Amino acid sequence: MPLEMNREVFITCAVTGSGGTQDRSPHVPRSPKQIADSAIAAAKAGAAIVHCHVRDPETGKPRRDVSLYREVTERIREADVDVVLNLTAGMGGDMVFGPVESPLPLKTAGTDMGGATDRVEHVRQCLPEICTLDCGTMNFAEADYVMTNTPGMLRAMGGMMTEMGVKPEIEAFDTGHLWFAKQLVAEGVLAPQALVQLCMGVPWGAPDDLNTFMAMVNNVPKDWTFSAFSLGRNQMAYVAAAVLAGGNVRVGLEDNLWLDKGVLATNAQLVERAVTVVENLGARVIGPEEVRKKLGLTKRAPLAA
């Protein structure tokens, strides 16, 4: 396919994630205030979108506590900088199996299975412009952990997001996830002109080699908007790759802790470096208002509980 570089690029900062990184860097935010402050700093550095999970403020372990999401949301919305809010809805589909000869019952530690309504309750209350929809089930490299998103669950959650007026960001970890996302659009569960995040190099999804990346890109419909990222040391390489392939970019501590070898990063530093890469390619970094116009987003205050 011919090179179709994106000349107007938005940057998403994935602020903290749900991986076990909280003890590997002092810059990984835990409390709602820390998460919001890091998101605000990323916005000031050039991120148009901040993608937020929440964690236990004491242990740093991932949580699905609606009150934590509400606090993060309010703090970001009250800040002196504008930014598009993107909340995860990927929690609540976690299954950890027992030994291979006796996989059931599931292990209590790490297993967290919620119903569709429960998994998007924080989205209903906070009403971000965007929330994520992981469009498939996948093995992860962490022991016998499976990220579980059945077709029925995805149809239910996607329909709720659409009804709320919150734009789903389809998270595609492999080509089959894109296939099903296109089916959801065909069925009317998701609106046309969808938004998709290509998640590269997450074990055991799509590897982050360029052949696989272009296979993913070539499966994105022409009227969709896509962004892409990879993990660790390949994060900045994928900033360039995504722009050159016609997409937008994601960086942040959810995906990479390092600025340089031996140098731990902050979210703002990763965004600043991504801005430099994008601009050195000859593209322009666009801000939150342009992103809202491009994606048809609605900025709203939270509903009352």
C-alpha atoms as a PDB file:
ATOM      1  CA  MET A   1       0.000   0.000   0.000  1.00  0.00           C
ATOM      2  CA  PRO A   2       1.229   3.577  -0.612  1.00  0.00           C
ATOM      3  CA  LEU A   3       2.541   5.582   2.318  1.00  0.00           C
ATOM      4  CA  GLU A   4      -0.242   7.770   3.718  1.00  0.00           C
ATOM      5  CA  MET A   5       1.376   9.694   6.548  1.00  0.00           C
ATOM      6  CA  ASN A   6      -0.895  11.425   9.019  1.00  0.00           C
ATOM      7  CA  ARG A   7      -0.187  15.167   9.057  1.00  0.00           C
ATOM      8  CA  GLU A   8      -2.457  16.047  11.999  1.00  0.00           C
ATOM      9  CA  VAL A   9      -1.749  13.738  14.925  1.00  0.00           C
ATOM     10  CA  PHE A  10      -3.283  13.432  18.364  1.00  0.00           C
ATOM     11  CA  ILE A  11      -1.380  11.947  21.266  1.00  0.00           C
ATOM     12  CA  THR A  12      -2.992   9.769  23.926  1.00  0.00           C
ATOM     13  CA  CYS A  13      -1.241   9.336  27.267  1.00  0.00           C
ATOM     14  CA  ALA A  14      -2.022   6.044  29.039  1.00  0.00           C
ATOM     15  CA  VAL A  15      -1.393   7.287  32.552  1.00  0.00           C
ATOM     16  CA  THR A  16      -1.130   4.260  34.851  1.00  0.00           C
ATOM     17  CA  GLY A  17      -2.724   1.048  33.507  1.00  0.00           C
ATOM     18  CA  SER A  18      -3.554  -2.076  35.510  1.00  0.00           C
ATOM     19  CA  GLY A  19      -0.297  -4.006  35.303  1.00  0.00           C
ATOM     20  CA  GLY A  20       1.964  -4.772  38.237  1.00  0.00           C
ATOM     21  CA  THR A  21       4.226  -1.773  37.591  1.00  0.00           C
ATOM     22  CA  GLN A  22       3.431   0.227  40.726  1.00  0.00           C
ATOM     23  CA  ASP A  23       6.558  -0.948  42.558  1.00  0.00           C
ATOM     24  CA  ARG A  24       8.895  -0.702  39.561  1.00  0.00           C
ATOM     25  CA  SER A  25       8.868   3.081  39.271  1.00  0.00           C
ATOM     26  CA  PRO A  26       8.072   5.879  41.735  1.00  0.00           C
ATOM     27  CA  HIS A  27       6.458   7.780  38.860  1.00  0.00           C
ATOM     28  CA  VAL A  28       3.576   5.296  38.393  1.00  0.00           C
ATOM     29  CA  PRO A  29       0.635   7.111  40.013  1.00  0.00           C
ATOM     30  CA  ARG A  30      -1.562   5.291  42.543  1.00  0.00           C
ATOM     31  CA  SER A  31      -3.989   7.653  44.280  1.00  0.00           C
ATOM     32  CA  PRO A  32      -6.693   9.575  42.401  1.00  0.00           C
ATOM     33  CA  LYS A  33      -4.792  12.802  43.045  1.00  0.00           C
ATOM     34  CA  GLN A  34      -1.553  11.333  41.705  1.00  0.00           C
ATOM     35  CA  ILE A  35      -3.315   9.909  38.645  1.00  0.00           C
ATOM     36  CA  ALA A  36      -5.091  13.191  37.934  1.00  0.00           C
ATOM     37  CA  ASP A  37      -1.944  15.261  38.492  1.00  0.00           C
ATOM     38  CA  SER A  38       0.030  13.020  36.124  1.00  0.00           C
ATOM     39  CA  ALA A  39      -2.745  13.227  33.521  1.00  0.00           C
ATOM     40  CA  ILE A  40      -2.834  17.030  33.812  1.00  0.00           C
ATOM     41  CA  ALA A  41       0.942  17.233  33.412  1.00  0.00           C
ATOM     42  CA  ALA A  42       0.700  15.014  30.318  1.00  0.00           C
ATOM     43  CA  ALA A  43      -1.984  17.298  28.874  1.00  0.00           C
ATOM     44  CA  LYS A  44       0.207  20.331  29.443  1.00  0.00           C
ATOM     45  CA  ALA A  45       3.029  18.493  27.670  1.00  0.00           C
ATOM     46  CA  GLY A  46       0.887  17.958  24.567  1.00  0.00           C
ATOM     47  CA  ALA A  47      -1.433  14.975  25.109  1.00  0.00           C
ATOM     48  CA  ALA A  48      -4.907  15.651  23.721  1.00  0.00           C
ATOM     49  CA  ILE A  49      -6.340  12.510  25.372  1.00  0.00           C
ATOM     50  CA  VAL A  50      -5.611  10.908  28.735  1.00  0.00           C
ATOM     51  CA  HIS A  51      -6.486   7.233  29.186  1.00  0.00           C
ATOM     52  CA  CYS A  52      -7.063   6.425  32.862  1.00  0.00           C
ATOM     53  CA  HIS A  53      -7.307   3.361  35.081  1.00  0.00           C
ATOM     54  CA  VAL A  54      -7.511   3.602  38.874  1.00  0.00           C
ATOM     55  CA  ARG A  55      -5.496   1.829  41.571  1.00  0.00           C
ATOM     56  CA  ASP A  56      -5.707   1.163  45.278  1.00  0.00           C
ATOM     57  CA  PRO A  57      -4.105   4.279  46.764  1.00  0.00           C
ATOM     58  CA  GLU A  58      -2.165   2.221  49.336  1.00  0.00           C
ATOM     59  CA  THR A  59      -1.060  -0.896  47.455  1.00  0.00           C
ATOM     60  CA  GLY A  60      -1.156   0.375  43.867  1.00  0.00           C
ATOM     61  CA  LYS A  61      -3.093  -2.704  42.756  1.00  0.00           C
ATOM     62  CA  PRO A  62      -5.749  -2.191  40.054  1.00  0.00           C
ATOM     63  CA  ARG A  63      -9.295  -1.438  41.218  1.00  0.00           C
ATOM     64  CA  ARG A  64     -12.778  -0.963  39.781  1.00  0.00           C
ATOM     65  CA  ASP A  65     -14.009   1.362  42.524  1.00  0.00           C
ATOM     66  CA  VAL A  66     -16.444   3.889  41.021  1.00  0.00           C
ATOM     67  CA  SER A  67     -15.623   6.469  43.697  1.00  0.00           C
ATOM     68  CA  LEU A  68     -11.972   6.426  42.622  1.00  0.00           C
ATOM     69  CA  TYR A  69     -12.971   7.033  39.003  1.00  0.00           C
ATOM     70  CA  ARG A  70     -15.255   9.876  40.028  1.00  0.00           C
ATOM     71  CA  GLU A  71     -12.452  11.566  41.968  1.00  0.00           C
ATOM     72  CA  VAL A  72      -9.992  11.228  39.090  1.00  0.00           C
ATOM     73  CA  THR A  73     -12.610  12.556  36.661  1.00  0.00           C
ATOM     74  CA  GLU A  74     -13.501  15.570  38.801  1.00  0.00           C
ATOM     75  CA  ARG A  75      -9.880  16.487  39.425  1.00  0.00           C
ATOM     76  CA  ILE A  76      -9.059  16.393  35.708  1.00  0.00           C
ATOM     77  CA  ARG A  77     -12.157  18.371  34.754  1.00  0.00           C
ATOM     78  CA  GLU A  78     -11.403  21.033  37.355  1.00  0.00           C
ATOM     79  CA  ALA A  79      -7.843  21.494  36.074  1.00  0.00           C
ATOM     80  CA  ASP A  80      -6.568  24.608  34.301  1.00  0.00           C
ATOM     81  CA  VAL A  81      -5.890  22.638  31.102  1.00  0.00           C
ATOM     82  CA  ASP A  82      -8.335  21.062  28.689  1.00  0.00           C
ATOM     83  CA  VAL A  83      -7.990  17.385  27.779  1.00  0.00           C
ATOM     84  CA  VAL A  84     -10.196  14.614  26.374  1.00  0.00           C
ATOM     85  CA  LEU A  85     -11.012  12.034  29.058  1.00  0.00           C
ATOM     86  CA  ASN A  86     -10.783   8.338  28.160  1.00  0.00           C
ATOM     87  CA  LEU A  87     -11.623   5.832  30.915  1.00  0.00           C
ATOM     88  CA  THR A  88     -10.878   2.135  30.701  1.00  0.00           C
ATOM     89  CA  ALA A  89     -13.769  -0.317  30.672  1.00  0.00           C
ATOM     90  CA  GLY A  90     -11.430  -3.277  30.339  1.00  0.00           C
ATOM     91  CA  MET A  91     -11.580  -4.316  33.981  1.00  0.00           C
ATOM     92  CA  GLY A  92     -13.958  -7.010  35.228  1.00  0.00           C
ATOM     93  CA  GLY A  93     -13.135  -9.724  32.700  1.00  0.00           C
ATOM     94  CA  ASP A  94     -10.173 -11.309  34.474  1.00  0.00           C
ATOM     95  CA  MET A  95      -9.955 -15.081  34.890  1.00  0.00           C
ATOM     96  CA  VAL A  96      -7.015 -16.844  36.532  1.00  0.00           C
ATOM     97  CA  PHE A  97      -7.126 -20.631  36.180  1.00  0.00           C
ATOM     98  CA  GLY A  98      -5.731 -23.262  38.499  1.00  0.00           C
ATOM     99  CA  PRO A  99      -3.144 -25.925  37.549  1.00  0.00           C
ATOM    100  CA  VAL A 100      -3.381 -27.508  34.109  1.00  0.00           C
ATOM    101  CA  GLU A 101      -4.806 -30.776  35.444  1.00  0.00           C
ATOM    102  CA  SER A 102      -7.372 -29.026  37.655  1.00  0.00           C
ATOM    103  CA  PRO A 103      -8.046 -25.574  36.196  1.00  0.00           C
ATOM    104  CA  LEU A 104     -11.315 -25.146  38.121  1.00  0.00           C
ATOM    105  CA  PRO A 105     -12.212 -23.593  40.442  1.00  0.00           C
ATOM    106  CA  LEU A 106     -10.660 -20.345  39.306  1.00  0.00           C
ATOM    107  CA  LYS A 107      -8.083 -18.801  41.587  1.00  0.00           C
ATOM    108  CA  THR A 108      -9.498 -16.094  43.836  1.00  0.00           C
ATOM    109  CA  ALA A 109      -6.374 -13.973  43.581  1.00  0.00           C
ATOM    110  CA  GLY A 110      -6.532 -12.115  40.289  1.00  0.00           C
ATOM    111  CA  THR A 111      -9.963 -13.320  39.162  1.00  0.00           C
ATOM    112  CA  ASP A 112     -12.469 -10.483  38.769  1.00  0.00           C
ATOM    113  CA  MET A 113     -15.530 -11.216  36.658  1.00  0.00           C
ATOM    114  CA  GLY A 114     -18.296  -8.646  36.497  1.00  0.00           C
ATOM    115  CA  GLY A 115     -21.517  -8.324  34.549  1.00  0.00           C
ATOM    116  CA  ALA A 116     -21.848  -5.917  31.631  1.00  0.00           C
ATOM    117  CA  THR A 117     -23.704  -3.251  33.605  1.00  0.00           C
ATOM    118  CA  ASP A 118     -21.253  -3.467  36.492  1.00  0.00           C
ATOM    119  CA  ARG A 119     -18.267  -3.165  34.161  1.00  0.00           C
ATOM    120  CA  VAL A 120     -19.487   0.146  32.719  1.00  0.00           C
ATOM    121  CA  GLU A 121     -21.056   1.690  35.842  1.00  0.00           C
ATOM    122  CA  HIS A 122     -18.130   4.093  36.276  1.00  0.00           C
ATOM    123  CA  VAL A 123     -18.597   5.144  32.651  1.00  0.00           C
ATOM    124  CA  ARG A 124     -22.290   5.840  33.266  1.00  0.00           C
ATOM    125  CA  GLN A 125     -21.517   7.963  36.301  1.00  0.00           C
ATOM    126  CA  CYS A 126     -18.475   9.826  34.947  1.00  0.00           C
ATOM    127  CA  LEU A 127     -19.512  10.171  31.282  1.00  0.00           C
ATOM    128  CA  PRO A 128     -16.068  10.588  29.738  1.00  0.00           C
ATOM    129  CA  GLU A 129     -15.828  11.466  26.064  1.00  0.00           C
ATOM    130  CA  ILE A 130     -14.246   8.052  25.342  1.00  0.00           C
ATOM    131  CA  CYS A 131     -14.068   4.665  27.042  1.00  0.00           C
ATOM    132  CA  THR A 132     -12.302   1.512  25.917  1.00  0.00           C
ATOM    133  CA  LEU A 133     -13.857  -1.685  24.577  1.00  0.00           C
ATOM    134  CA  ASP A 134     -11.410  -4.622  24.402  1.00  0.00           C
ATOM    135  CA  CYS A 135     -12.833  -6.475  21.412  1.00  0.00           C
ATOM    136  CA  GLY A 136     -11.776 -10.018  22.203  1.00  0.00           C
ATOM    137  CA  THR A 137     -10.576 -12.643  24.656  1.00  0.00           C
ATOM    138  CA  MET A 138      -6.824 -13.170  24.968  1.00  0.00           C
ATOM    139  CA  ASN A 139      -4.200 -15.102  26.889  1.00  0.00           C
ATOM    140  CA  PHE A 140      -1.760 -12.868  28.737  1.00  0.00           C
ATOM    141  CA  ALA A 141       1.798 -13.737  29.691  1.00  0.00           C
ATOM    142  CA  GLU A 142       0.981 -13.442  33.382  1.00  0.00           C
ATOM    143  CA  ALA A 143       0.630 -17.066  34.609  1.00  0.00           C
ATOM    144  CA  ASP A 144      -2.701 -18.568  33.491  1.00  0.00           C
ATOM    145  CA  TYR A 145      -4.550 -15.267  33.235  1.00  0.00           C
ATOM    146  CA  VAL A 146      -7.143 -14.818  30.486  1.00  0.00           C
ATOM    147  CA  MET A 147      -8.671 -11.462  29.566  1.00  0.00           C
ATOM    148  CA  THR A 148     -12.268 -12.526  28.905  1.00  0.00           C
ATOM    149  CA  ASN A 149     -14.615 -10.615  26.604  1.00  0.00           C
ATOM    150  CA  THR A 150     -17.277 -12.853  25.079  1.00  0.00           C
ATOM    151  CA  PRO A 151     -19.292 -11.785  22.019  1.00  0.00           C
ATOM    152  CA  GLY A 152     -22.392 -11.411  24.166  1.00  0.00           C
ATOM    153  CA  MET A 153     -20.575  -9.311  26.751  1.00  0.00           C
ATOM    154  CA  LEU A 154     -19.095  -7.055  24.083  1.00  0.00           C
ATOM    155  CA  ARG A 155     -22.445  -6.562  22.372  1.00  0.00           C
ATOM    156  CA  ALA A 156     -24.012  -5.619  25.702  1.00  0.00           C
ATOM    157  CA  MET A 157     -21.222  -3.285  26.812  1.00  0.00           C
ATOM    158  CA  GLY A 158     -20.843  -1.703  23.377  1.00  0.00           C
ATOM    159  CA  GLY A 159     -24.579  -1.068  23.197  1.00  0.00           C
ATOM    160  CA  MET A 160     -24.550   0.595  26.614  1.00  0.00           C
ATOM    161  CA  MET A 161     -21.636   2.833  25.640  1.00  0.00           C
ATOM    162  CA  THR A 162     -23.394   3.872  22.442  1.00  0.00           C
ATOM    163  CA  GLU A 163     -26.621   4.604  24.333  1.00  0.00           C
ATOM    164  CA  MET A 164     -24.701   6.737  26.867  1.00  0.00           C
ATOM    165  CA  GLY A 165     -23.208   8.822  24.063  1.00  0.00           C
ATOM    166  CA  VAL A 166     -19.673   7.812  25.047  1.00  0.00           C
ATOM    167  CA  LYS A 167     -17.453   6.897  22.096  1.00  0.00           C
ATOM    168  CA  PRO A 168     -15.905   3.439  22.432  1.00  0.00           C
ATOM    169  CA  GLU A 169     -12.213   3.187  21.697  1.00  0.00           C
ATOM    170  CA  ILE A 170     -11.936  -0.318  20.287  1.00  0.00           C
ATOM    171  CA  GLU A 171      -8.841  -1.968  21.738  1.00  0.00           C
ATOM    172  CA  ALA A 172      -7.576  -4.493  19.190  1.00  0.00           C
ATOM    173  CA  PHE A 173      -4.850  -6.874  20.356  1.00  0.00           C
ATOM    174  CA  ASP A 174      -5.013  -9.018  17.210  1.00  0.00           C
ATOM    175  CA  THR A 175      -6.601  -9.090  13.766  1.00  0.00           C
ATOM    176  CA  GLY A 176      -9.575 -11.158  14.962  1.00  0.00           C
ATOM    177  CA  HIS A 177     -10.493  -8.363  17.367  1.00  0.00           C
ATOM    178  CA  LEU A 178     -10.754  -5.980  14.421  1.00  0.00           C
ATOM    179  CA  TRP A 179     -12.881  -8.539  12.583  1.00  0.00           C
ATOM    180  CA  PHE A 180     -15.359  -8.657  15.460  1.00  0.00           C
ATOM    181  CA  ALA A 181     -15.313  -4.871  15.892  1.00  0.00           C
ATOM    182  CA  LYS A 182     -16.365  -4.503  12.249  1.00  0.00           C
ATOM    183  CA  GLN A 183     -19.182  -6.950  12.966  1.00  0.00           C
ATOM    184  CA  LEU A 184     -20.354  -4.788  15.881  1.00  0.00           C
ATOM    185  CA  VAL A 185     -20.489  -1.789  13.552  1.00  0.00           C
ATOM    186  CA  ALA A 186     -22.359  -3.818  10.910  1.00  0.00           C
ATOM    187  CA  GLU A 187     -24.917  -4.849  13.550  1.00  0.00           C
ATOM    188  CA  GLY A 188     -25.385  -1.245  14.698  1.00  0.00           C
ATOM    189  CA  VAL A 189     -24.023  -1.930  18.183  1.00  0.00           C
ATOM    190  CA  LEU A 190     -21.233   0.563  17.512  1.00  0.00           C
ATOM    191  CA  ALA A 191     -21.571   3.667  15.378  1.00  0.00           C
ATOM    192  CA  PRO A 192     -19.800   3.944  12.009  1.00  0.00           C
ATOM    193  CA  GLN A 193     -16.532   5.897  11.780  1.00  0.00           C
ATOM    194  CA  ALA A 194     -15.222   4.075  14.804  1.00  0.00           C
ATOM    195  CA  LEU A 195     -12.105   4.768  16.853  1.00  0.00           C
ATOM    196  CA  VAL A 196      -9.603   1.943  17.322  1.00  0.00           C
ATOM    197  CA  GLN A 197      -6.371   1.491  19.272  1.00  0.00           C
ATOM    198  CA  LEU A 198      -3.938  -1.039  17.795  1.00  0.00           C
ATOM    199  CA  CYS A 199      -2.218  -2.710  20.754  1.00  0.00           C
ATOM    200  CA  MET A 200       1.075  -4.159  19.583  1.00  0.00           C
ATOM    201  CA  GLY A 201       3.540  -6.378  21.379  1.00  0.00           C
ATOM    202  CA  VAL A 202       1.286  -7.376  24.283  1.00  0.00           C
ATOM    203  CA  PRO A 203       1.963 -11.073  25.025  1.00  0.00           C
ATOM    204  CA  TRP A 204       0.203 -13.062  23.574  1.00  0.00           C
ATOM    205  CA  GLY A 205      -1.528 -10.818  21.108  1.00  0.00           C
ATOM    206  CA  ALA A 206      -0.173  -9.303  17.915  1.00  0.00           C
ATOM    207  CA  PRO A 207       3.642  -9.097  17.945  1.00  0.00           C
ATOM    208  CA  ASP A 208       5.060  -5.663  17.276  1.00  0.00           C
ATOM    209  CA  ASP A 209       6.928  -6.470  14.070  1.00  0.00           C
ATOM    210  CA  LEU A 210       6.105  -4.154  11.195  1.00  0.00           C
ATOM    211  CA  ASN A 211       4.578  -6.879   8.987  1.00  0.00           C
ATOM    212  CA  THR A 212       1.998  -7.658  11.664  1.00  0.00           C
ATOM    213  CA  PHE A 213       1.453  -3.965  12.338  1.00  0.00           C
ATOM    214  CA  MET A 214       0.674  -3.278   8.688  1.00  0.00           C
ATOM    215  CA  ALA A 215      -1.665  -6.279   8.618  1.00  0.00           C
ATOM    216  CA  MET A 216      -3.525  -4.632  11.494  1.00  0.00           C
ATOM    217  CA  VAL A 217      -3.516  -1.223   9.780  1.00  0.00           C
ATOM    218  CA  ASN A 218      -4.773  -2.745   6.526  1.00  0.00           C
ATOM    219  CA  ASN A 219      -7.723  -4.259   8.408  1.00  0.00           C
ATOM    220  CA  VAL A 220      -8.880  -0.877   9.741  1.00  0.00           C
ATOM    221  CA  PRO A 221     -11.730   0.502   7.585  1.00  0.00           C
ATOM    222  CA  LYS A 222     -10.845   3.694   5.725  1.00  0.00           C
ATOM    223  CA  ASP A 223     -13.470   5.772   7.543  1.00  0.00           C
ATOM    224  CA  TRP A 224     -12.227   4.761  11.006  1.00  0.00           C
ATOM    225  CA  THR A 225      -9.626   6.630  13.044  1.00  0.00           C
ATOM    226  CA  PHE A 226      -6.794   4.595  14.471  1.00  0.00           C
ATOM    227  CA  SER A 227      -4.017   5.017  16.973  1.00  0.00           C
ATOM    228  CA  ALA A 228      -1.262   2.572  17.889  1.00  0.00           C
ATOM    229  CA  PHE A 229       1.312   1.772  20.525  1.00  0.00           C
ATOM    230  CA  SER A 230       3.872  -0.809  21.527  1.00  0.00           C
ATOM    231  CA  LEU A 231       5.498  -1.671  24.828  1.00  0.00           C
ATOM    232  CA  GLY A 232       8.780  -0.826  26.494  1.00  0.00           C
ATOM    233  CA  ARG A 233      11.731   0.204  24.363  1.00  0.00           C
ATOM    234  CA  ASN A 234       9.643   0.099  21.189  1.00  0.00           C
ATOM    235  CA  GLN A 235       7.201   2.734  22.403  1.00  0.00           C
ATOM    236  CA  MET A 236       8.828   5.666  20.597  1.00  0.00           C
ATOM    237  CA  ALA A 237       9.564   3.624  17.488  1.00  0.00           C
ATOM    238  CA  TYR A 238       5.825   3.028  17.222  1.00  0.00           C
ATOM    239  CA  VAL A 239       5.141   6.738  17.540  1.00  0.00           C
ATOM    240  CA  ALA A 240       6.954   7.122  14.225  1.00  0.00           C
ATOM    241  CA  ALA A 241       5.469   3.938  12.724  1.00  0.00           C
ATOM    242  CA  ALA A 242       1.902   4.936  13.580  1.00  0.00           C
ATOM    243  CA  VAL A 243       2.238   8.413  12.076  1.00  0.00           C
ATOM    244  CA  LEU A 244       3.870   7.074   8.901  1.00  0.00           C
ATOM    245  CA  ALA A 245       1.076   4.498   8.549  1.00  0.00           C
ATOM    246  CA  GLY A 246      -1.593   7.211   8.773  1.00  0.00           C
ATOM    247  CA  GLY A 247      -2.509   6.947  12.440  1.00  0.00           C
ATOM    248  CA  ASN A 248      -2.228   8.618  15.807  1.00  0.00           C
ATOM    249  CA  VAL A 249      -0.081   7.685  18.776  1.00  0.00           C
ATOM    250  CA  ARG A 250      -0.218   6.533  22.380  1.00  0.00           C
ATOM    251  CA  VAL A 251       2.541   6.752  24.972  1.00  0.00           C
ATOM    252  CA  GLY A 252       2.585   6.629  28.760  1.00  0.00           C
ATOM    253  CA  LEU A 253       3.550   4.678  31.845  1.00  0.00           C
ATOM    254  CA  GLU A 254       0.884   2.029  31.251  1.00  0.00           C
ATOM    255  CA  ASP A 255       3.025   0.756  28.378  1.00  0.00           C
ATOM    256  CA  ASN A 256       6.598   1.846  29.153  1.00  0.00           C
ATOM    257  CA  LEU A 257       8.458   3.017  32.259  1.00  0.00           C
ATOM    258  CA  TRP A 258      11.660   4.228  30.627  1.00  0.00           C
ATOM    259  CA  LEU A 259      12.774   7.454  28.974  1.00  0.00           C
ATOM    260  CA  ASP A 260      16.252   6.162  28.192  1.00  0.00           C
ATOM    261  CA  LYS A 261      18.314   3.183  29.296  1.00  0.00           C
ATOM    262  CA  GLY A 262      18.472   3.386  33.076  1.00  0.00           C
ATOM    263  CA  VAL A 263      16.338   6.552  33.197  1.00  0.00           C
ATOM    264  CA  LEU A 264      12.793   6.199  34.533  1.00  0.00           C
ATOM    265  CA  ALA A 265      10.242   8.408  32.791  1.00  0.00           C
ATOM    266  CA  THR A 266       7.271  10.498  33.838  1.00  0.00           C
ATOM    267  CA  ASN A 267       4.156  10.631  31.704  1.00  0.00           C
ATOM    268  CA  ALA A 268       4.889  14.254  30.769  1.00  0.00           C
ATOM    269  CA  GLN A 269       8.396  13.351  29.596  1.00  0.00           C
ATOM    270  CA  LEU A 270       7.073  10.550  27.387  1.00  0.00           C
ATOM    271  CA  VAL A 271       4.521  12.916  25.860  1.00  0.00           C
ATOM    272  CA  GLU A 272       7.177  15.582  25.289  1.00  0.00           C
ATOM    273  CA  ARG A 273       9.352  13.081  23.459  1.00  0.00           C
ATOM    274  CA  ALA A 274       6.403  11.900  21.356  1.00  0.00           C
ATOM    275  CA  VAL A 275       5.667  15.520  20.409  1.00  0.00           C
ATOM    276  CA  THR A 276       9.277  15.883  19.244  1.00  0.00           C
ATOM    277  CA  VAL A 277       9.080  12.705  17.150  1.00  0.00           C
ATOM    278  CA  VAL A 278       5.787  13.719  15.540  1.00  0.00           C
ATOM    279  CA  GLU A 279       6.944  17.233  14.731  1.00  0.00           C
ATOM    280  CA  ASN A 280      10.296  16.050  13.403  1.00  0.00           C
ATOM    281  CA  LEU A 281       8.378  13.882  10.944  1.00  0.00           C
ATOM    282  CA  GLY A 282       6.735  17.041   9.643  1.00  0.00           C
ATOM    283  CA  ALA A 283       3.323  16.461  11.241  1.00  0.00           C
ATOM    284  CA  ARG A 284       1.364  18.734  13.571  1.00  0.00           C
ATOM    285  CA  VAL A 285       0.194  17.717  17.047  1.00  0.00           C
ATOM    286  CA  ILE A 286      -3.472  18.643  17.487  1.00  0.00           C
ATOM    287  CA  GLY A 287      -5.221  19.563  20.720  1.00  0.00           C
ATOM    288  CA  PRO A 288      -8.374  18.396  22.518  1.00  0.00           C
ATOM    289  CA  GLU A 289     -10.863  20.691  20.790  1.00  0.00           C
ATOM    290  CA  GLU A 290      -9.687  19.556  17.366  1.00  0.00           C
ATOM    291  CA  VAL A 291      -9.907  15.938  18.547  1.00  0.00           C
ATOM    292  CA  ARG A 292     -13.482  16.439  19.747  1.00  0.00           C
ATOM    293  CA  LYS A 293     -14.435  17.906  16.377  1.00  0.00           C
ATOM    294  CA  LYS A 294     -12.625  15.147  14.466  1.00  0.00           C
ATOM    295  CA  LEU A 295     -14.182  12.304  16.478  1.00  0.00           C
ATOM    296  CA  GLY A 296     -17.588  13.844  17.207  1.00  0.00           C
ATOM    297  CA  LEU A 297     -17.084  13.789  20.984  1.00  0.00           C
ATOM    298  CA  THR A 298     -19.270  15.341  23.654  1.00  0.00           C
ATOM    299  CA  LYS A 299     -17.701  16.810  26.782  1.00  0.00           C
ATOM    300  CA  ARG A 300     -20.089  16.550  29.735  1.00  0.00           C
ATOM    301  CA  ALA A 301     -20.121  16.776  33.493  1.00  0.00           C
ATOM    302  CA  PRO A 302     -20.796  13.567  35.464  1.00  0.00           C
ATOM    303  CA  LEU A 303     -24.331  12.470  36.242  1.00  0.00           C
ATOM    304  CA  ALA A 304     -25.437  12.487  39.836  1.00  0.00           C
ATOM    305  CA  ALA A 305     -25.021   9.113  41.542  1.00  0.00           C
END
